[in-house]
Amino acid sequence: MASVVTASQLRLISEIKADSVAMSADDQLRDGLAIVDKAAGWTSHDVVAKARGILHNRKIGHSGTLDPDATGLLLLGVGRATRLLRFLTILPKTYVGDIVLGTETSTLDASGDIVATFEMSAVTLEQVRTTAARFVGEIMQIPPMVSAVKVGGRRLHQIAREGGEVEREPRPVTIHSLAIDDVVGLPGVFRATVTCSSGTYIRTLAADIGRALGGGAHLTNLRRIAIGTFELSDANPLDDIVVRPITDVMRDYSSVTVVGELAEAVAHGKVLDRLALGLGPNQGGELPPGPWAVCDQMGDLLAVYEAHRSGTVKPSVVVAPATGVAGAQS
């Protein structure tokens, strides 16, 4: 038998289990999720390297780069959880940052050299809000030269460090919401709260808004405050890193609980009939594509399944522990 568990129920299970993992680095889980509040001055790679040292585990990766000057949420996959990072990468992200009107920089943020200035002191909050509203929805963005995007097999920031610049193709991104407010005591500076799709560059957005207002702008004080349902309240500073259960990686997705022979089949990565996992049509008669987190009766993640052909589902990732499946003999 199989039962569908909602994302909120899975999140509750994960939070309860996470309470048991506040322990020393040597005793931390070898496979799971670490939610870090990244400090300024660190690259995402720096954080990963430091976490490897703290946790004595070389198998650690992150789900989405933060610029060195940016702070906030960085999700780290530890051990087998690195195979699940793509499910975190595609989640929507929320940022807060300050748009500084009147100055363009080489990097589109405060770390770069000033390349142009404009007289924009007369621009009002309402004008910024009206202009920013034009960027909500699906838009095209040109990645900044100082970014990790690859062109011709090389990362743009490598080319930029050598003083080069190359043609970049615009890429589609989605701005789900964009709120603009004044920053008290700082004329010409406006705080943006942005929820967007993966791959969106907030500093490019700030620069584009500046140009649309008839001048230029750059971004400062960028902070990522949410990734899907993960928030800063879930995070720890790097020095106090905590590894949560691997199930927590999939907390934003629906879950299925399996027992007995079905749990064994999932743990061995078998293609299954949808109905065996209780994954029939939705209320509209459509077959949802997934993914679904498939867990044993103890709430431990066994695999992630996605739609296959002819009414079947197949695992895209199997993470069942080598020690066996809880309830397999039920």
C-alpha atoms as a PDB file:
ATOM      1  CA  MET A   1       0.000   0.000   0.000  1.00  0.00           C
ATOM      2  CA  ALA A   2       1.022   3.596  -0.504  1.00  0.00           C
ATOM      3  CA  SER A   3      -0.280   6.839   0.937  1.00  0.00           C
ATOM      4  CA  VAL A   4       0.248  10.386  -0.302  1.00  0.00           C
ATOM      5  CA  VAL A   5       1.699  12.842   2.208  1.00  0.00           C
ATOM      6  CA  THR A   6       1.397  16.552   1.608  1.00  0.00           C
ATOM      7  CA  ALA A   7       4.427  18.824   1.432  1.00  0.00           C
ATOM      8  CA  SER A   8       3.432  20.420   4.735  1.00  0.00           C
ATOM      9  CA  GLN A   9       3.225  17.019   6.447  1.00  0.00           C
ATOM     10  CA  LEU A  10       6.615  16.053   5.059  1.00  0.00           C
ATOM     11  CA  ARG A  11       8.016  19.343   6.304  1.00  0.00           C
ATOM     12  CA  LEU A  12       6.686  18.631   9.814  1.00  0.00           C
ATOM     13  CA  ILE A  13       8.261  15.165   9.805  1.00  0.00           C
ATOM     14  CA  SER A  14      11.565  16.662   8.700  1.00  0.00           C
ATOM     15  CA  GLU A  15      11.471  19.365  11.371  1.00  0.00           C
ATOM     16  CA  ILE A  16      10.774  16.821  14.103  1.00  0.00           C
ATOM     17  CA  LYS A  17      13.642  14.635  12.920  1.00  0.00           C
ATOM     18  CA  ALA A  18      15.919  17.648  12.559  1.00  0.00           C
ATOM     19  CA  ASP A  19      15.609  18.299  16.286  1.00  0.00           C
ATOM     20  CA  SER A  20      17.721  15.188  16.862  1.00  0.00           C
ATOM     21  CA  VAL A  21      20.728  16.314  14.812  1.00  0.00           C
ATOM     22  CA  ALA A  22      22.108  19.215  16.886  1.00  0.00           C
ATOM     23  CA  MET A  23      25.350  17.432  17.687  1.00  0.00           C
ATOM     24  CA  SER A  24      29.108  17.639  17.219  1.00  0.00           C
ATOM     25  CA  ALA A  25      30.645  17.621  13.744  1.00  0.00           C
ATOM     26  CA  ASP A  26      31.912  14.058  14.247  1.00  0.00           C
ATOM     27  CA  ASP A  27      28.390  12.870  15.094  1.00  0.00           C
ATOM     28  CA  GLN A  28      26.572  14.796  12.355  1.00  0.00           C
ATOM     29  CA  LEU A  29      24.563  12.952   9.733  1.00  0.00           C
ATOM     30  CA  ARG A  30      26.683  11.836   6.787  1.00  0.00           C
ATOM     31  CA  ASP A  31      23.800  12.377   4.369  1.00  0.00           C
ATOM     32  CA  GLY A  32      21.439  15.309   4.561  1.00  0.00           C
ATOM     33  CA  LEU A  33      20.783  19.009   4.143  1.00  0.00           C
ATOM     34  CA  ALA A  34      22.616  21.929   5.734  1.00  0.00           C
ATOM     35  CA  ILE A  35      20.927  25.342   5.636  1.00  0.00           C
ATOM     36  CA  VAL A  36      23.537  28.053   5.974  1.00  0.00           C
ATOM     37  CA  ASP A  37      23.204  31.806   6.442  1.00  0.00           C
ATOM     38  CA  LYS A  38      26.165  32.882   4.318  1.00  0.00           C
ATOM     39  CA  ALA A  39      28.181  35.865   5.477  1.00  0.00           C
ATOM     40  CA  ALA A  40      29.494  38.576   3.154  1.00  0.00           C
ATOM     41  CA  GLY A  41      32.935  38.055   1.672  1.00  0.00           C
ATOM     42  CA  TRP A  42      32.557  34.323   1.141  1.00  0.00           C
ATOM     43  CA  THR A  43      32.053  32.682  -2.232  1.00  0.00           C
ATOM     44  CA  SER A  44      29.647  29.753  -2.349  1.00  0.00           C
ATOM     45  CA  HIS A  45      32.663  27.534  -3.052  1.00  0.00           C
ATOM     46  CA  ASP A  46      34.362  28.910   0.078  1.00  0.00           C
ATOM     47  CA  VAL A  47      31.345  27.863   2.137  1.00  0.00           C
ATOM     48  CA  VAL A  48      31.365  24.373   0.642  1.00  0.00           C
ATOM     49  CA  ALA A  49      35.103  24.007   1.301  1.00  0.00           C
ATOM     50  CA  LYS A  50      34.720  25.139   4.923  1.00  0.00           C
ATOM     51  CA  ALA A  51      31.731  22.822   5.457  1.00  0.00           C
ATOM     52  CA  ARG A  52      33.760  19.882   4.156  1.00  0.00           C
ATOM     53  CA  GLY A  53      36.364  20.594   6.784  1.00  0.00           C
ATOM     54  CA  ILE A  54      33.885  21.067   9.625  1.00  0.00           C
ATOM     55  CA  LEU A  55      31.886  17.933   8.788  1.00  0.00           C
ATOM     56  CA  HIS A  56      34.880  15.811   7.717  1.00  0.00           C
ATOM     57  CA  ASN A  57      32.991  14.964   4.544  1.00  0.00           C
ATOM     58  CA  ARG A  58      34.287  15.675   1.039  1.00  0.00           C
ATOM     59  CA  LYS A  59      30.928  15.006  -0.610  1.00  0.00           C
ATOM     60  CA  ILE A  60      29.216  18.393  -0.211  1.00  0.00           C
ATOM     61  CA  GLY A  61      27.748  20.717  -2.832  1.00  0.00           C
ATOM     62  CA  HIS A  62      25.417  23.707  -2.998  1.00  0.00           C
ATOM     63  CA  SER A  63      22.137  24.268  -4.836  1.00  0.00           C
ATOM     64  CA  GLY A  64      22.671  27.801  -6.134  1.00  0.00           C
ATOM     65  CA  THR A  65      25.463  30.358  -6.132  1.00  0.00           C
ATOM     66  CA  LEU A  66      25.423  33.521  -4.051  1.00  0.00           C
ATOM     67  CA  ASP A  67      27.778  36.359  -4.993  1.00  0.00           C
ATOM     68  CA  PRO A  68      30.611  36.981  -2.493  1.00  0.00           C
ATOM     69  CA  ASP A  69      29.090  40.297  -1.372  1.00  0.00           C
ATOM     70  CA  ALA A  70      25.624  38.765  -0.984  1.00  0.00           C
ATOM     71  CA  THR A  71      24.411  37.162   2.237  1.00  0.00           C
ATOM     72  CA  GLY A  72      21.651  34.797   3.191  1.00  0.00           C
ATOM     73  CA  LEU A  73      20.394  31.330   2.428  1.00  0.00           C
ATOM     74  CA  LEU A  74      22.704  28.765   0.899  1.00  0.00           C
ATOM     75  CA  LEU A  75      21.479  25.160   0.791  1.00  0.00           C
ATOM     76  CA  LEU A  76      24.160  22.475   1.014  1.00  0.00           C
ATOM     77  CA  GLY A  77      23.678  18.839   0.113  1.00  0.00           C
ATOM     78  CA  VAL A  78      25.794  16.487   2.220  1.00  0.00           C
ATOM     79  CA  GLY A  79      26.677  12.952   1.120  1.00  0.00           C
ATOM     80  CA  ARG A  80      23.899  11.253  -0.828  1.00  0.00           C
ATOM     81  CA  ALA A  81      21.877  14.480  -0.695  1.00  0.00           C
ATOM     82  CA  THR A  82      24.194  15.988  -3.333  1.00  0.00           C
ATOM     83  CA  ARG A  83      22.301  13.858  -5.845  1.00  0.00           C
ATOM     84  CA  LEU A  84      19.112  15.734  -4.957  1.00  0.00           C
ATOM     85  CA  LEU A  85      20.411  19.285  -5.299  1.00  0.00           C
ATOM     86  CA  ARG A  86      18.691  19.867  -8.641  1.00  0.00           C
ATOM     87  CA  PHE A  87      15.330  19.680  -6.890  1.00  0.00           C
ATOM     88  CA  LEU A  88      16.411  22.582  -4.686  1.00  0.00           C
ATOM     89  CA  THR A  89      17.980  24.555  -7.525  1.00  0.00           C
ATOM     90  CA  ILE A  90      14.675  24.892  -9.390  1.00  0.00           C
ATOM     91  CA  LEU A  91      12.740  26.264  -6.416  1.00  0.00           C
ATOM     92  CA  PRO A  92      11.767  29.972  -6.542  1.00  0.00           C
ATOM     93  CA  LYS A  93      13.989  32.314  -4.561  1.00  0.00           C
ATOM     94  CA  THR A  94      13.308  35.532  -2.662  1.00  0.00           C
ATOM     95  CA  TYR A  95      15.851  38.323  -2.269  1.00  0.00           C
ATOM     96  CA  VAL A  96      16.031  41.725  -0.636  1.00  0.00           C
ATOM     97  CA  GLY A  97      18.465  44.295  -2.006  1.00  0.00           C
ATOM     98  CA  ASP A  98      18.938  48.036  -2.459  1.00  0.00           C
ATOM     99  CA  ILE A  99      18.811  49.675  -5.892  1.00  0.00           C
ATOM    100  CA  VAL A 100      21.088  52.721  -5.991  1.00  0.00           C
ATOM    101  CA  LEU A 101      19.996  55.111  -8.727  1.00  0.00           C
ATOM    102  CA  GLY A 102      22.413  57.334 -10.612  1.00  0.00           C
ATOM    103  CA  THR A 103      25.493  55.119 -10.684  1.00  0.00           C
ATOM    104  CA  GLU A 104      26.395  52.193 -12.936  1.00  0.00           C
ATOM    105  CA  THR A 105      29.285  49.885 -12.067  1.00  0.00           C
ATOM    106  CA  SER A 106      31.348  47.345 -13.969  1.00  0.00           C
ATOM    107  CA  THR A 107      29.869  44.467 -11.983  1.00  0.00           C
ATOM    108  CA  LEU A 108      26.339  45.904 -11.629  1.00  0.00           C
ATOM    109  CA  ASP A 109      26.812  45.875  -7.854  1.00  0.00           C
ATOM    110  CA  ALA A 110      28.760  47.829  -5.249  1.00  0.00           C
ATOM    111  CA  SER A 111      31.927  45.746  -5.668  1.00  0.00           C
ATOM    112  CA  GLY A 112      32.653  47.100  -9.144  1.00  0.00           C
ATOM    113  CA  ASP A 113      34.204  50.265 -10.530  1.00  0.00           C
ATOM    114  CA  ILE A 114      31.932  53.189 -11.403  1.00  0.00           C
ATOM    115  CA  VAL A 115      31.519  53.318 -15.174  1.00  0.00           C
ATOM    116  CA  ALA A 116      28.763  55.951 -15.544  1.00  0.00           C
ATOM    117  CA  THR A 117      26.823  58.476 -13.475  1.00  0.00           C
ATOM    118  CA  PHE A 118      23.431  60.064 -14.046  1.00  0.00           C
ATOM    119  CA  GLU A 119      21.393  62.855 -12.468  1.00  0.00           C
ATOM    120  CA  MET A 120      18.377  60.988 -11.068  1.00  0.00           C
ATOM    121  CA  SER A 121      17.645  62.868  -7.843  1.00  0.00           C
ATOM    122  CA  ALA A 122      14.158  63.791  -9.039  1.00  0.00           C
ATOM    123  CA  VAL A 123      13.020  60.177  -9.485  1.00  0.00           C
ATOM    124  CA  THR A 124      10.189  59.348  -7.075  1.00  0.00           C
ATOM    125  CA  LEU A 125       9.187  56.136  -5.333  1.00  0.00           C
ATOM    126  CA  GLU A 126       6.046  55.922  -7.469  1.00  0.00           C
ATOM    127  CA  GLN A 127       8.093  56.231 -10.643  1.00  0.00           C
ATOM    128  CA  VAL A 128      10.376  53.420  -9.534  1.00  0.00           C
ATOM    129  CA  ARG A 129       7.385  51.249  -8.596  1.00  0.00           C
ATOM    130  CA  THR A 130       5.662  51.906 -11.922  1.00  0.00           C
ATOM    131  CA  THR A 131       8.804  51.102 -13.882  1.00  0.00           C
ATOM    132  CA  ALA A 132       9.622  48.015 -11.806  1.00  0.00           C
ATOM    133  CA  ALA A 133       6.124  46.632 -12.421  1.00  0.00           C
ATOM    134  CA  ARG A 134       7.037  46.265 -16.101  1.00  0.00           C
ATOM    135  CA  PHE A 135       9.577  43.622 -15.127  1.00  0.00           C
ATOM    136  CA  VAL A 136       7.109  41.323 -13.351  1.00  0.00           C
ATOM    137  CA  GLY A 137       6.386  38.132 -15.282  1.00  0.00           C
ATOM    138  CA  GLU A 138       8.483  36.362 -17.877  1.00  0.00           C
ATOM    139  CA  ILE A 139      11.353  38.557 -19.050  1.00  0.00           C
ATOM    140  CA  MET A 140      14.649  38.185 -20.892  1.00  0.00           C
ATOM    141  CA  GLN A 141      17.909  38.880 -19.058  1.00  0.00           C
ATOM    142  CA  ILE A 142      21.480  39.179 -20.261  1.00  0.00           C
ATOM    143  CA  PRO A 143      23.788  37.535 -17.694  1.00  0.00           C
ATOM    144  CA  PRO A 144      26.410  39.907 -16.237  1.00  0.00           C
ATOM    145  CA  MET A 145      30.035  39.406 -17.215  1.00  0.00           C
ATOM    146  CA  VAL A 146      30.882  38.723 -13.585  1.00  0.00           C
ATOM    147  CA  SER A 147      28.840  35.531 -13.274  1.00  0.00           C
ATOM    148  CA  ALA A 148      29.275  31.772 -13.349  1.00  0.00           C
ATOM    149  CA  VAL A 149      27.517  31.355 -16.711  1.00  0.00           C
ATOM    150  CA  LYS A 150      29.663  29.541 -19.257  1.00  0.00           C
ATOM    151  CA  VAL A 151      30.255  30.866 -22.788  1.00  0.00           C
ATOM    152  CA  GLY A 152      32.468  28.844 -25.077  1.00  0.00           C
ATOM    153  CA  GLY A 153      33.359  26.508 -22.229  1.00  0.00           C
ATOM    154  CA  ARG A 154      34.623  29.294 -19.945  1.00  0.00           C
ATOM    155  CA  ARG A 155      32.893  31.029 -17.075  1.00  0.00           C
ATOM    156  CA  LEU A 156      32.124  34.681 -17.685  1.00  0.00           C
ATOM    157  CA  HIS A 157      33.842  35.834 -14.492  1.00  0.00           C
ATOM    158  CA  GLN A 158      37.085  34.213 -15.687  1.00  0.00           C
ATOM    159  CA  ILE A 159      36.910  36.153 -18.945  1.00  0.00           C
ATOM    160  CA  ALA A 160      36.037  39.360 -17.069  1.00  0.00           C
ATOM    161  CA  ARG A 161      39.033  38.984 -14.736  1.00  0.00           C
ATOM    162  CA  GLU A 162      41.268  38.949 -17.805  1.00  0.00           C
ATOM    163  CA  GLY A 163      39.700  42.197 -18.992  1.00  0.00           C
ATOM    164  CA  GLY A 164      37.617  40.560 -21.703  1.00  0.00           C
ATOM    165  CA  GLU A 165      33.957  40.818 -22.622  1.00  0.00           C
ATOM    166  CA  VAL A 166      31.930  38.504 -24.834  1.00  0.00           C
ATOM    167  CA  GLU A 167      28.490  38.471 -26.400  1.00  0.00           C
ATOM    168  CA  ARG A 168      25.884  36.950 -24.078  1.00  0.00           C
ATOM    169  CA  GLU A 169      22.574  35.574 -25.216  1.00  0.00           C
ATOM    170  CA  PRO A 170      19.496  36.829 -23.319  1.00  0.00           C
ATOM    171  CA  ARG A 171      17.909  34.127 -21.198  1.00  0.00           C
ATOM    172  CA  PRO A 172      14.289  33.776 -20.050  1.00  0.00           C
ATOM    173  CA  VAL A 173      13.610  34.222 -16.329  1.00  0.00           C
ATOM    174  CA  THR A 174      10.449  34.843 -14.333  1.00  0.00           C
ATOM    175  CA  ILE A 175       9.900  37.598 -11.782  1.00  0.00           C
ATOM    176  CA  HIS A 176       7.016  36.316  -9.663  1.00  0.00           C
ATOM    177  CA  SER A 177       6.732  39.449  -7.538  1.00  0.00           C
ATOM    178  CA  LEU A 178       8.641  42.699  -7.090  1.00  0.00           C
ATOM    179  CA  ALA A 179       7.974  45.187  -4.281  1.00  0.00           C
ATOM    180  CA  ILE A 180       9.783  48.536  -4.044  1.00  0.00           C
ATOM    181  CA  ASP A 181      10.117  50.707  -0.928  1.00  0.00           C
ATOM    182  CA  ASP A 182      12.059  53.770   0.175  1.00  0.00           C
ATOM    183  CA  VAL A 183      15.205  53.372   2.242  1.00  0.00           C
ATOM    184  CA  VAL A 184      14.856  55.917   5.040  1.00  0.00           C
ATOM    185  CA  GLY A 185      17.683  58.434   5.125  1.00  0.00           C
ATOM    186  CA  LEU A 186      19.164  57.385   1.780  1.00  0.00           C
ATOM    187  CA  PRO A 187      17.801  59.501  -1.102  1.00  0.00           C
ATOM    188  CA  GLY A 188      17.935  57.747  -4.445  1.00  0.00           C
ATOM    189  CA  VAL A 189      18.137  54.299  -2.847  1.00  0.00           C
ATOM    190  CA  PHE A 190      15.144  51.951  -3.087  1.00  0.00           C
ATOM    191  CA  ARG A 191      14.707  48.563  -1.420  1.00  0.00           C
ATOM    192  CA  ALA A 192      13.529  45.767  -3.696  1.00  0.00           C
ATOM    193  CA  THR A 193      11.987  42.512  -2.484  1.00  0.00           C
ATOM    194  CA  VAL A 194      12.007  40.044  -5.361  1.00  0.00           C
ATOM    195  CA  THR A 195      10.671  36.525  -5.729  1.00  0.00           C
ATOM    196  CA  CYS A 196      11.966  34.988  -8.926  1.00  0.00           C
ATOM    197  CA  SER A 197      12.853  31.845 -10.812  1.00  0.00           C
ATOM    198  CA  SER A 198      16.196  30.133 -10.635  1.00  0.00           C
ATOM    199  CA  GLY A 199      18.813  31.788 -12.832  1.00  0.00           C
ATOM    200  CA  THR A 200      17.618  35.355 -12.225  1.00  0.00           C
ATOM    201  CA  TYR A 201      20.308  37.978 -11.584  1.00  0.00           C
ATOM    202  CA  ILE A 202      19.018  40.629  -9.193  1.00  0.00           C
ATOM    203  CA  ARG A 203      21.877  43.008 -10.029  1.00  0.00           C
ATOM    204  CA  THR A 204      20.932  42.772 -13.712  1.00  0.00           C
ATOM    205  CA  LEU A 205      17.344  43.523 -12.727  1.00  0.00           C
ATOM    206  CA  ALA A 206      18.483  46.583 -10.746  1.00  0.00           C
ATOM    207  CA  ALA A 207      20.587  47.849 -13.662  1.00  0.00           C
ATOM    208  CA  ASP A 208      17.735  47.289 -16.124  1.00  0.00           C
ATOM    209  CA  ILE A 209      15.314  49.230 -13.902  1.00  0.00           C
ATOM    210  CA  GLY A 210      17.825  52.086 -13.731  1.00  0.00           C
ATOM    211  CA  ARG A 211      18.087  52.206 -17.514  1.00  0.00           C
ATOM    212  CA  ALA A 212      14.306  52.022 -17.904  1.00  0.00           C
ATOM    213  CA  LEU A 213      14.086  55.102 -15.669  1.00  0.00           C
ATOM    214  CA  GLY A 214      16.305  56.969 -18.108  1.00  0.00           C
ATOM    215  CA  GLY A 215      19.612  56.647 -16.279  1.00  0.00           C
ATOM    216  CA  GLY A 216      21.445  53.837 -14.533  1.00  0.00           C
ATOM    217  CA  ALA A 217      21.658  51.951 -11.251  1.00  0.00           C
ATOM    218  CA  HIS A 218      23.543  49.297  -9.360  1.00  0.00           C
ATOM    219  CA  LEU A 219      22.669  46.865  -6.567  1.00  0.00           C
ATOM    220  CA  THR A 220      23.930  46.706  -3.004  1.00  0.00           C
ATOM    221  CA  ASN A 221      23.129  44.836   0.239  1.00  0.00           C
ATOM    222  CA  LEU A 222      21.744  41.757  -1.516  1.00  0.00           C
ATOM    223  CA  ARG A 223      20.378  39.120   0.855  1.00  0.00           C
ATOM    224  CA  ARG A 224      18.626  35.866  -0.082  1.00  0.00           C
ATOM    225  CA  ILE A 225      15.847  35.359   2.430  1.00  0.00           C
ATOM    226  CA  ALA A 226      13.974  32.336   1.048  1.00  0.00           C
ATOM    227  CA  ILE A 227      14.350  29.358  -1.281  1.00  0.00           C
ATOM    228  CA  GLY A 228      10.972  27.699  -1.718  1.00  0.00           C
ATOM    229  CA  THR A 229       9.707  27.218   1.842  1.00  0.00           C
ATOM    230  CA  PHE A 230      13.218  27.380   3.327  1.00  0.00           C
ATOM    231  CA  GLU A 231      13.657  30.636   5.231  1.00  0.00           C
ATOM    232  CA  LEU A 232      16.351  32.372   7.242  1.00  0.00           C
ATOM    233  CA  SER A 233      14.752  31.053  10.424  1.00  0.00           C
ATOM    234  CA  ASP A 234      15.811  27.563   9.249  1.00  0.00           C
ATOM    235  CA  ALA A 235      19.439  28.595   8.775  1.00  0.00           C
ATOM    236  CA  ASN A 236      22.559  28.449  10.924  1.00  0.00           C
ATOM    237  CA  PRO A 237      25.828  30.370  10.612  1.00  0.00           C
ATOM    238  CA  LEU A 238      28.529  28.293   8.943  1.00  0.00           C
ATOM    239  CA  ASP A 239      30.424  27.826  12.206  1.00  0.00           C
ATOM    240  CA  ASP A 240      27.301  26.314  13.776  1.00  0.00           C
ATOM    241  CA  ILE A 241      26.363  24.159  10.778  1.00  0.00           C
ATOM    242  CA  VAL A 242      23.698  21.511  11.367  1.00  0.00           C
ATOM    243  CA  VAL A 243      22.926  18.618   9.010  1.00  0.00           C
ATOM    244  CA  ARG A 244      19.234  17.878   8.777  1.00  0.00           C
ATOM    245  CA  PRO A 245      17.794  14.534   7.560  1.00  0.00           C
ATOM    246  CA  ILE A 246      17.996  13.883   3.827  1.00  0.00           C
ATOM    247  CA  THR A 247      14.194  13.805   3.638  1.00  0.00           C
ATOM    248  CA  ASP A 248      14.169  17.553   4.301  1.00  0.00           C
ATOM    249  CA  VAL A 249      15.659  18.186   0.856  1.00  0.00           C
ATOM    250  CA  MET A 250      12.309  17.236  -0.676  1.00  0.00           C
ATOM    251  CA  ARG A 251      10.030  19.032   1.770  1.00  0.00           C
ATOM    252  CA  ASP A 252       8.564  21.292  -0.937  1.00  0.00           C
ATOM    253  CA  TYR A 253       7.355  18.278  -2.912  1.00  0.00           C
ATOM    254  CA  SER A 254       4.549  15.785  -2.348  1.00  0.00           C
ATOM    255  CA  SER A 255       5.512  12.523  -0.704  1.00  0.00           C
ATOM    256  CA  VAL A 256       4.404   8.923  -0.835  1.00  0.00           C
ATOM    257  CA  THR A 257       4.886   6.430   2.014  1.00  0.00           C
ATOM    258  CA  VAL A 258       5.521   2.780   1.125  1.00  0.00           C
ATOM    259  CA  VAL A 259       5.964  -0.404   3.167  1.00  0.00           C
ATOM    260  CA  GLY A 260       6.786  -4.057   2.667  1.00  0.00           C
ATOM    261  CA  GLU A 261       7.639  -5.383  -0.782  1.00  0.00           C
ATOM    262  CA  LEU A 262       6.766  -2.060  -2.361  1.00  0.00           C
ATOM    263  CA  ALA A 263       9.376  -0.321  -0.204  1.00  0.00           C
ATOM    264  CA  GLU A 264      11.936  -2.918  -1.311  1.00  0.00           C
ATOM    265  CA  ALA A 265      11.016  -2.337  -4.953  1.00  0.00           C
ATOM    266  CA  VAL A 266      11.468   1.416  -4.536  1.00  0.00           C
ATOM    267  CA  ALA A 267      14.800   0.946  -2.763  1.00  0.00           C
ATOM    268  CA  HIS A 268      15.993  -1.121  -5.723  1.00  0.00           C
ATOM    269  CA  GLY A 269      14.900   1.542  -8.220  1.00  0.00           C
ATOM    270  CA  LYS A 270      12.191  -0.400 -10.021  1.00  0.00           C
ATOM    271  CA  VAL A 271       9.810   1.157 -12.522  1.00  0.00           C
ATOM    272  CA  LEU A 272       6.333   0.963 -11.007  1.00  0.00           C
ATOM    273  CA  ASP A 273       2.740   1.400 -12.017  1.00  0.00           C
ATOM    274  CA  ARG A 274       1.412   4.798 -10.951  1.00  0.00           C
ATOM    275  CA  LEU A 275      -1.489   3.255  -9.084  1.00  0.00           C
ATOM    276  CA  ALA A 276       0.870   1.120  -7.005  1.00  0.00           C
ATOM    277  CA  LEU A 277       2.109   4.381  -5.483  1.00  0.00           C
ATOM    278  CA  GLY A 278      -1.361   5.911  -5.354  1.00  0.00           C
ATOM    279  CA  LEU A 279      -0.466   8.443  -8.047  1.00  0.00           C
ATOM    280  CA  GLY A 280      -3.635   8.590 -10.094  1.00  0.00           C
ATOM    281  CA  PRO A 281      -5.078  11.542 -12.026  1.00  0.00           C
ATOM    282  CA  ASN A 282      -5.663  14.842 -10.251  1.00  0.00           C
ATOM    283  CA  GLN A 283      -9.100  16.462  -9.955  1.00  0.00           C
ATOM    284  CA  GLY A 284      -8.757  17.778 -13.498  1.00  0.00           C
ATOM    285  CA  GLY A 285      -8.161  14.279 -14.841  1.00  0.00           C
ATOM    286  CA  GLU A 286      -4.495  15.013 -15.607  1.00  0.00           C
ATOM    287  CA  LEU A 287      -1.579  12.863 -14.560  1.00  0.00           C
ATOM    288  CA  PRO A 288       0.851  15.102 -12.626  1.00  0.00           C
ATOM    289  CA  PRO A 289       4.512  14.662 -13.635  1.00  0.00           C
ATOM    290  CA  GLY A 290       5.916  14.739 -10.120  1.00  0.00           C
ATOM    291  CA  PRO A 291       8.499  14.544  -8.712  1.00  0.00           C
ATOM    292  CA  TRP A 292       7.453  12.670  -5.588  1.00  0.00           C
ATOM    293  CA  ALA A 293       9.558  11.870  -2.553  1.00  0.00           C
ATOM    294  CA  VAL A 294       9.017   8.193  -1.733  1.00  0.00           C
ATOM    295  CA  CYS A 295       9.674   7.366   1.929  1.00  0.00           C
ATOM    296  CA  ASP A 296       9.507   4.308   4.147  1.00  0.00           C
ATOM    297  CA  GLN A 297       7.203   4.084   7.147  1.00  0.00           C
ATOM    298  CA  MET A 298       9.823   5.760   9.356  1.00  0.00           C
ATOM    299  CA  GLY A 299       9.815   8.813   7.097  1.00  0.00           C
ATOM    300  CA  ASP A 300      13.248   8.091   5.626  1.00  0.00           C
ATOM    301  CA  LEU A 301      13.678   8.995   1.970  1.00  0.00           C
ATOM    302  CA  LEU A 302      14.155   6.022  -0.349  1.00  0.00           C
ATOM    303  CA  ALA A 303      13.957   7.615  -3.796  1.00  0.00           C
ATOM    304  CA  VAL A 304      12.524  10.396  -5.906  1.00  0.00           C
ATOM    305  CA  TYR A 305      10.126   9.220  -8.614  1.00  0.00           C
ATOM    306  CA  GLU A 306       8.944  11.041 -11.728  1.00  0.00           C
ATOM    307  CA  ALA A 307       6.462  10.274 -14.491  1.00  0.00           C
ATOM    308  CA  HIS A 308       7.465   7.651 -17.036  1.00  0.00           C
ATOM    309  CA  ARG A 309       5.533   6.178 -19.952  1.00  0.00           C
ATOM    310  CA  SER A 310       2.334   4.131 -20.205  1.00  0.00           C
ATOM    311  CA  GLY A 311       1.047   4.979 -16.753  1.00  0.00           C
ATOM    312  CA  THR A 312       4.269   4.150 -14.952  1.00  0.00           C
ATOM    313  CA  VAL A 313       6.704   6.102 -12.778  1.00  0.00           C
ATOM    314  CA  LYS A 314      10.433   5.628 -12.468  1.00  0.00           C
ATOM    315  CA  PRO A 315      13.101   6.790 -10.018  1.00  0.00           C
ATOM    316  CA  SER A 316      15.246   9.716 -11.049  1.00  0.00           C
ATOM    317  CA  VAL A 317      17.329   9.315  -7.891  1.00  0.00           C
ATOM    318  CA  VAL A 318      17.542   6.389  -5.452  1.00  0.00           C
ATOM    319  CA  VAL A 319      19.007   7.227  -2.049  1.00  0.00           C
ATOM    320  CA  ALA A 320      17.857   4.219  -0.009  1.00  0.00           C
ATOM    321  CA  PRO A 321      20.330   3.485   2.788  1.00  0.00           C
ATOM    322  CA  ALA A 322      22.552   0.454   2.366  1.00  0.00           C
ATOM    323  CA  THR A 323      21.414  -0.841   5.763  1.00  0.00           C
ATOM    324  CA  GLY A 324      17.973  -1.713   4.473  1.00  0.00           C
ATOM    325  CA  VAL A 325      14.443  -0.398   4.424  1.00  0.00           C
ATOM    326  CA  ALA A 326      12.343   0.194   7.542  1.00  0.00           C
ATOM    327  CA  GLY A 327       9.226  -1.933   7.482  1.00  0.00           C
ATOM    328  CA  ALA A 328      10.386  -4.026   4.530  1.00  0.00           C
ATOM    329  CA  GLN A 329       9.109  -7.178   6.236  1.00  0.00           C
ATOM    330  CA  SER A 330       5.748  -5.663   7.185  1.00  0.00           C
END
